[in-house]
Structure formats: C-alpha cells, structure tokens
Protein backbone atom coordinates (compact mmCIF):
# COMPACT_ATOMS: atom_id res chain seq x y z
CA MET A 1 126.48 36.99 134.46
CA ASN A 2 124.83 34.47 135.78
CA VAL A 3 127.90 32.73 138.03
CA ASP A 4 126.17 29.92 139.17
CA GLU A 5 126.29 29.35 135.49
CA LEU A 6 129.81 28.99 134.97
CA VAL A 7 131.83 27.41 134.88
CA ALA A 8 135.10 29.51 135.23
CA ILE A 9 136.62 33.28 135.86
CA ASP A 10 139.91 33.79 133.81
CA VAL A 11 141.21 36.32 136.14
CA HIS A 12 143.39 37.51 133.56
CA THR A 13 143.20 38.78 128.77
CA HIS A 14 144.46 41.28 126.79
CA ALA A 15 142.52 43.47 124.45
CA GLU A 16 145.19 43.32 121.69
CA VAL A 17 143.97 45.29 119.18
CA SER A 18 141.19 48.72 118.53
CA SER A 19 138.80 47.24 115.83
CA LYS A 20 137.57 51.18 115.77
CA LYS A 21 141.42 52.35 115.40
CA GLY A 22 142.59 49.97 113.81
CA THR A 23 145.71 49.49 115.85
CA SER A 24 147.84 47.62 118.15
CA SER A 25 148.54 48.00 122.19
CA LEU A 26 152.17 46.50 121.21
CA ASP A 27 154.17 47.97 118.56
CA ASP A 28 156.29 45.35 115.79
CA ASP A 29 158.50 44.39 117.60
CA LEU A 30 157.39 43.60 121.05
CA HIS A 31 154.13 41.65 119.76
CA ASP A 32 156.59 38.88 118.13
CA ALA A 33 159.18 38.70 120.16
CA SER A 34 156.80 38.34 123.19
CA SER A 35 154.21 35.46 120.54
CA ALA A 36 157.91 33.42 120.05
CA TYR A 37 158.85 33.48 123.78
CA PHE A 38 154.70 32.47 124.37
CA LYS A 39 154.71 30.17 120.97
CA VAL A 40 151.67 31.72 120.10
CA GLU A 41 150.30 29.42 117.45
CA GLY A 42 146.75 30.65 115.66
CA LYS A 43 145.19 34.51 115.12
CA ARG A 44 147.86 36.39 118.58
CA LYS A 45 145.00 39.50 117.73
CA PRO A 46 141.30 38.42 118.16
CA THR A 47 138.43 41.54 118.12
CA LEU A 48 136.86 41.90 121.54
CA GLU A 49 134.12 40.33 120.42
CA GLU A 50 135.82 37.51 118.98
CA THR A 51 137.42 37.99 122.51
CA ALA A 52 133.46 37.65 123.76
CA ALA A 53 131.94 34.66 121.70
CA TYR A 54 135.65 33.25 122.86
CA TYR A 55 134.51 32.92 126.02
CA ARG A 56 131.02 32.19 125.77
CA GLU A 57 131.94 28.98 123.80
CA ARG A 58 133.28 27.32 126.63
CA ARG A 59 130.61 29.06 129.53
CA MET A 60 133.37 31.08 131.33
CA ALA A 61 133.52 35.25 132.36
CA ALA A 62 137.03 37.04 131.01
CA VAL A 63 138.93 39.91 133.07
CA ILE A 64 140.05 42.42 130.28
CA PHE A 65 142.18 44.95 130.51
CA THR A 66 144.45 46.82 127.60
CA VAL A 67 147.89 48.27 128.88
CA ASP A 68 148.60 52.39 128.79
CA ALA A 69 152.03 52.59 128.45
CA GLU A 70 152.30 54.87 126.49
CA SER A 71 154.87 56.99 128.06
CA ALA A 72 157.54 54.58 128.22
CA THR A 73 157.24 52.81 124.22
CA GLY A 74 154.94 56.12 122.10
CA THR A 75 152.06 53.30 121.71
CA GLU A 76 148.85 54.57 121.72
CA PRO A 77 147.31 51.80 123.76
CA VAL A 78 143.73 50.25 123.54
CA PRO A 79 140.97 53.04 124.63
CA ASN A 80 140.26 51.82 127.56
CA GLU A 81 136.70 52.57 126.74
CA GLU A 82 136.05 51.23 124.25
CA VAL A 83 136.92 48.07 126.31
CA ALA A 84 134.03 49.29 128.59
CA GLU A 85 131.72 49.62 125.85
CA ALA A 86 133.02 46.26 124.99
CA ALA A 87 132.06 44.45 128.04
CA ALA A 88 129.03 45.61 128.55
CA ALA A 89 127.20 44.81 125.40
CA ASN A 90 128.33 41.45 126.26
CA ALA A 91 128.66 41.48 129.94
CA ASP A 92 127.57 37.45 130.74
CA VAL A 93 130.95 37.41 130.06
CA LEU A 94 133.26 40.37 129.35
CA ILE A 95 134.20 42.15 133.10
CA PRO A 96 135.91 44.77 132.36
CA PHE A 97 139.57 46.94 133.31
CA ALA A 98 141.61 49.42 132.41
CA SER A 99 144.76 50.17 132.03
CA ILE A 100 145.98 54.46 133.33
CA ASP A 101 149.81 54.64 132.38
CA PRO A 102 150.79 56.61 135.26
CA PHE A 103 153.06 59.38 133.60
CA ARG A 104 149.51 60.43 132.72
CA GLY A 105 149.40 62.35 136.19
CA LYS A 106 146.30 65.07 137.24
CA ALA A 107 145.14 63.75 133.52
CA GLY A 108 145.07 59.49 134.60
CA VAL A 109 144.04 60.20 137.39
CA LYS A 110 140.62 62.29 136.13
CA GLN A 111 140.27 59.85 134.00
CA ALA A 112 140.41 56.55 136.32
CA ARG A 113 137.26 57.97 138.33
CA ARG A 114 135.46 58.29 135.45
CA LEU A 115 135.43 55.46 134.00
CA VAL A 116 135.03 54.25 137.03
CA GLU A 117 131.56 56.45 137.26
CA GLU A 118 131.24 56.39 133.98
CA TYR A 119 131.99 52.86 132.49
CA GLY A 120 131.85 50.32 135.09
CA VAL A 121 135.60 49.52 135.21
CA LYS A 122 135.77 46.85 138.07
CA GLY A 123 139.88 47.05 138.61
CA PHE A 124 142.91 48.50 137.34
CA LYS A 125 146.04 46.72 135.05
CA PHE A 126 149.39 47.86 136.02
CA HIS A 127 152.41 46.86 133.79
CA PRO A 128 155.56 47.84 135.73
CA SER A 129 158.65 47.09 134.28
CA VAL A 130 156.84 47.69 130.41
CA GLN A 131 154.77 51.10 132.66
CA GLY A 132 158.58 51.68 133.38
CA PHE A 133 157.93 52.85 136.83
CA PHE A 134 158.81 50.89 140.15
CA PRO A 135 154.59 50.94 142.25
CA ASN A 136 155.98 52.11 145.65
CA ASP A 137 156.97 55.26 143.94
CA ARG A 138 155.14 58.24 145.60
CA SER A 139 155.11 60.48 143.19
CA VAL A 140 153.39 58.17 140.52
CA ALA A 141 150.90 55.93 141.15
CA TYR A 142 149.89 57.03 144.63
CA ALA A 143 146.84 59.38 144.15
CA LEU A 144 146.05 56.74 141.05
CA TYR A 145 145.56 54.24 143.81
CA GLU A 146 143.56 56.38 145.71
CA VAL A 147 140.95 56.56 143.61
CA ILE A 148 141.32 52.74 143.23
CA GLU A 149 140.75 51.81 146.80
CA GLU A 150 138.05 54.71 147.60
CA THR A 151 135.81 53.78 144.56
CA GLY A 152 136.28 49.92 145.59
CA THR A 153 137.87 48.85 142.52
CA ILE A 154 140.49 46.19 142.33
CA ALA A 155 144.53 47.33 141.47
CA LEU A 156 146.10 44.40 139.38
CA PHE A 157 150.30 44.33 139.03
CA HIS A 158 153.01 42.01 136.86
CA THR A 159 154.56 41.28 138.51
CA GLY A 160 158.35 38.79 137.62
CA GLN A 161 159.52 37.98 133.94
CA THR A 162 157.31 39.54 131.33
CA GLY A 163 157.27 38.01 127.55
CA ILE A 164 157.58 41.28 126.56
CA GLY A 165 160.63 42.29 124.87
CA ALA A 166 161.99 38.68 125.62
CA GLY A 167 164.80 37.97 123.38
CA VAL A 168 164.65 41.68 121.52
CA PRO A 169 168.37 42.49 122.82
CA GLY A 170 168.47 45.08 125.58
CA GLY A 171 165.31 43.16 125.69
CA GLY A 172 163.87 46.52 124.78
CA GLY A 173 164.83 48.99 127.13
CA ILE A 174 162.25 47.41 129.07
CA ARG A 175 162.88 46.01 133.03
CA LEU A 176 162.70 43.68 135.34
CA LYS A 177 163.50 45.32 139.05
CA TYR A 178 160.24 47.47 137.72
CA SER A 179 158.12 43.85 138.75
CA ASN A 180 159.21 42.74 141.83
CA PRO A 181 155.77 42.15 144.21
CA LEU A 182 157.80 43.43 147.12
CA HIS A 183 157.16 46.97 145.52
CA VAL A 184 153.77 46.33 145.71
CA ASP A 185 154.02 45.30 149.37
CA ASP A 186 155.18 48.66 149.94
CA VAL A 187 151.93 49.65 148.55
CA ALA A 188 149.43 47.49 150.14
CA ALA A 189 151.00 48.78 154.10
CA ASP A 190 150.18 52.08 152.60
CA PHE A 191 146.53 51.79 150.97
CA PRO A 192 146.16 49.02 153.62
CA HIS A 193 142.01 48.58 152.02
CA LEU A 194 143.32 48.25 148.64
CA LYS A 195 142.07 45.09 146.34
CA ILE A 196 145.50 44.05 145.14
CA ILE A 197 146.40 41.03 142.49
CA LEU A 198 150.01 39.74 142.32
CA ALA A 199 150.08 38.59 138.37
CA HIS A 200 151.54 36.27 137.07
CA PRO A 201 153.55 33.04 139.56
CA SER A 202 156.92 35.86 139.61
CA PHE A 203 159.72 34.30 138.67
CA PRO A 204 162.76 35.04 140.01
CA TRP A 205 160.63 36.19 142.89
CA GLN A 206 157.81 33.88 143.91
CA ASP A 207 158.46 33.77 147.31
CA GLU A 208 158.81 37.02 147.77
CA ALA A 209 154.74 36.81 146.35
CA LEU A 210 153.83 34.48 148.35
CA ALA A 211 155.07 35.92 151.53
CA VAL A 212 152.86 39.13 150.63
CA ALA A 213 149.76 37.66 149.88
CA THR A 214 150.25 35.77 153.10
CA HIS A 215 150.81 38.76 155.12
CA LYS A 216 148.57 40.90 153.87
CA PRO A 217 145.09 40.54 154.13
CA GLY A 218 144.56 42.38 149.98
CA VAL A 219 147.15 40.44 147.95
CA HIS A 220 145.68 37.98 146.15
CA ILE A 221 147.72 36.20 143.49
CA ASP A 222 146.32 34.87 140.12
CA LEU A 223 148.77 31.58 137.99
CA SER A 224 148.22 33.59 134.66
CA GLY A 225 151.02 33.68 132.60
CA TRP A 226 153.06 29.92 132.86
CA SER A 227 151.20 26.76 132.19
CA PRO A 228 150.21 25.16 135.13
CA LYS A 229 152.83 22.01 134.97
CA TYR A 230 155.68 24.38 134.89
CA PHE A 231 154.45 26.37 138.46
CA PRO A 232 156.82 25.63 141.88
CA PRO A 233 156.20 24.09 143.41
CA GLN A 234 155.82 26.71 146.85
CA LEU A 235 152.76 28.20 144.96
CA VAL A 236 151.95 25.00 144.09
CA GLN A 237 152.25 24.08 148.15
CA TYR A 238 150.67 27.65 149.02
CA ALA A 239 146.66 27.68 146.82
CA ASN A 240 146.54 24.26 148.32
CA THR A 241 146.90 25.26 152.04
CA LEU A 242 147.35 28.94 153.36
CA LEU A 243 145.99 30.93 150.47
CA LYS A 244 143.93 28.84 148.91
CA ASP A 245 140.82 31.63 149.33
CA LYS A 246 143.34 34.09 147.82
CA VAL A 247 144.93 32.53 144.41
CA LEU A 248 142.73 32.76 140.82
CA PHE A 249 142.89 31.23 137.70
CA GLY A 250 143.23 33.12 135.26
CA SER A 251 144.66 32.40 131.08
CA ASP A 252 146.92 35.55 130.05
CA TYR A 253 145.06 34.70 126.54
CA PRO A 254 144.82 35.08 123.66
CA VAL A 255 149.23 34.50 124.16
CA LEU A 256 147.79 31.40 126.42
CA THR A 257 144.67 29.51 125.62
CA PRO A 258 142.65 28.83 128.99
CA ASP A 259 142.49 25.08 127.42
CA ARG A 260 145.67 24.47 127.72
CA TRP A 261 145.63 26.49 130.89
CA LEU A 262 143.08 24.01 132.42
CA ALA A 263 143.99 21.04 130.99
CA ASP A 264 147.64 21.51 132.26
CA PHE A 265 145.64 22.91 135.96
CA GLU A 266 144.06 19.09 135.55
CA LYS A 267 147.25 17.73 136.14
CA LEU A 268 148.04 18.91 139.36
CA THR A 269 147.98 17.72 142.58
CA ILE A 270 145.71 20.42 144.20
CA LYS A 271 143.24 18.93 146.58
CA ASP A 272 139.38 19.06 144.72
CA GLU A 273 138.20 21.29 147.17
CA VAL A 274 139.37 23.73 146.37
CA LYS A 275 139.52 23.57 142.33
CA PRO A 276 136.75 24.92 142.50
CA LYS A 277 137.68 28.49 144.55
CA ILE A 278 140.88 28.80 142.53
CA LEU A 279 138.08 29.03 139.15
CA LYS A 280 135.67 30.86 140.21
CA GLU A 281 135.26 31.01 144.10
CA ASN A 282 137.45 33.00 144.82
CA ALA A 283 137.05 35.92 142.09
CA ALA A 284 133.49 35.84 141.90
CA ARG A 285 133.75 36.98 145.94
CA LEU A 286 137.32 39.12 145.03
CA LEU A 287 134.82 41.08 142.44
CA GLY A 288 131.94 41.84 143.92
CA LEU A 289 129.87 38.59 142.30
CA THR A 290 128.22 37.84 145.16
CA LYS A 291 128.15 38.37 148.41
CA PRO A 292 131.64 38.00 151.01
C-alpha cells in the first residue's frame, strides 16, 4: 500500500455479504431497519471485490470487517478468513480487521491468534450492543484483549446509539447500555498498551468518549456513522485541539458513503493543518503504515 498516493484512509467499513456463502451478516429485519435508519440509497450489499474497486476509484484505503454476533443473533457472520483473503488480494486499498463473538470463549481466542499470525489481520471489531456484552466484563472478553494487546493489533469498539435494531419493536432486543464508552475506559486501564478505537460520535455519551480519549493515551475516536454536519460542537472542538492526533476518518460504508461524509466534512470548521491528520495521517500511524 502506497500511503503517499492515498487521499484518505477510511477506518470503518463493513463486509455485509459473503460471496462464497451467499449469506449476509444481518437478518432481513435488522438489515432493512438499519437501511431505513440511515436512509441508504442504492446498493447496500457490495461484495468485497466491489468495495475494493469503489475505494480504488477514489484513491482511498479502507479498513474492512464483519461483525460476529452469532451467539446473540443466531446469524452467521461473513467469514473473517474471506475478508482477510479479499484484503490480501486487494492490498493496495483494503486493510483487514476481524470480528470474533466474545462468547466463543477459548475457541475465539485461538481463532484471534490464528487470524493475526496466518492472515495478517490488523485489528478486531467489537459491537457490544449487538453482541450483548459489557466490554469491561472480565469473564467474557478479557482473554481476547490479551491476544490483541500481545500481537499489537487494534481493538475497535462500537460506542453510543446504533442504527441496528432502530425502529424494530423492542429495538430487536438490542440494548444500548452495553455501548457506553466508559466501559471501555476500564479496558484501557487494564490493558495499558492496547490500541483502542472508539467508533462513532458516541451519542448520548459524547463527553464520556472525549474524556476517555483525552485521559488514556491508547484510545482514539473514529468519526464514522454520522454525517459531519451533525457532529456535536464539543467533538469538533476536541478534534481541532486536544485530540487532533487521535481522531480518525471513518464512514460506516456502505450505510454512509465516504463521498457524502467528505462533502459534509469540508463544511466543518476544521483547521487546515488538522484535516490531513484526521483524513489519513493519524490512521496511517496507528495502523503501522508509517513510522511513528
């Protein structure tokens, strides 16, 4: 991957369909509800190859992952191996993350290590609300964090409100309480060398996320899942100042396109010297694509 030739690095994109199995990572009800929530237009389920072509056309790189919440949802995820293999075949634009249901226990821990050592996975996505766990529950996910910290990979946590289950009776059984970023503060304290990304503006806990990222050196924030025109003012303020080296561009593709995100980002009052940090430089450093 030639970082110098990239316009931006999108640290938050989803693999929603398996070309090999023909399956989706969400059941139809949750998929349709999230599409309505995000007002998705056009094709919602691009293949991995289509995603690579999309980002290549825009001279961008993308971190891509599935979400493994099979214990909670009963839906089999897009295989991590398939995501990693597609990234290897499109290494100029795709960066593989994985996702492991924390309730897989020792088998999940073993799988995490194998994905790093054999497939070159660079990080792991957790969605506490969909997976149904508190990130600071020592009995559930701490063994996974140990592997992630040991291998120098990244733990990316969904935080705040989620479009998954929105509008479905009972929210599809998905509970928002699991995604308060203060739960991740415990993880950052217990694993001081773990690289962490708090995904999304963390409504209704935006101040908590800013506090955690300011206090814990290893914690970063990605800006995915929201059009920048809706960013809370304190998030913009911190991105311009205290957290200018720790805030990352993310879109949430395919539910929110980088085209829309970047067009709205241009209208924000972000300092000229900070924009390249958010769009590319901070992510390149965190992902080990450039020297610290």
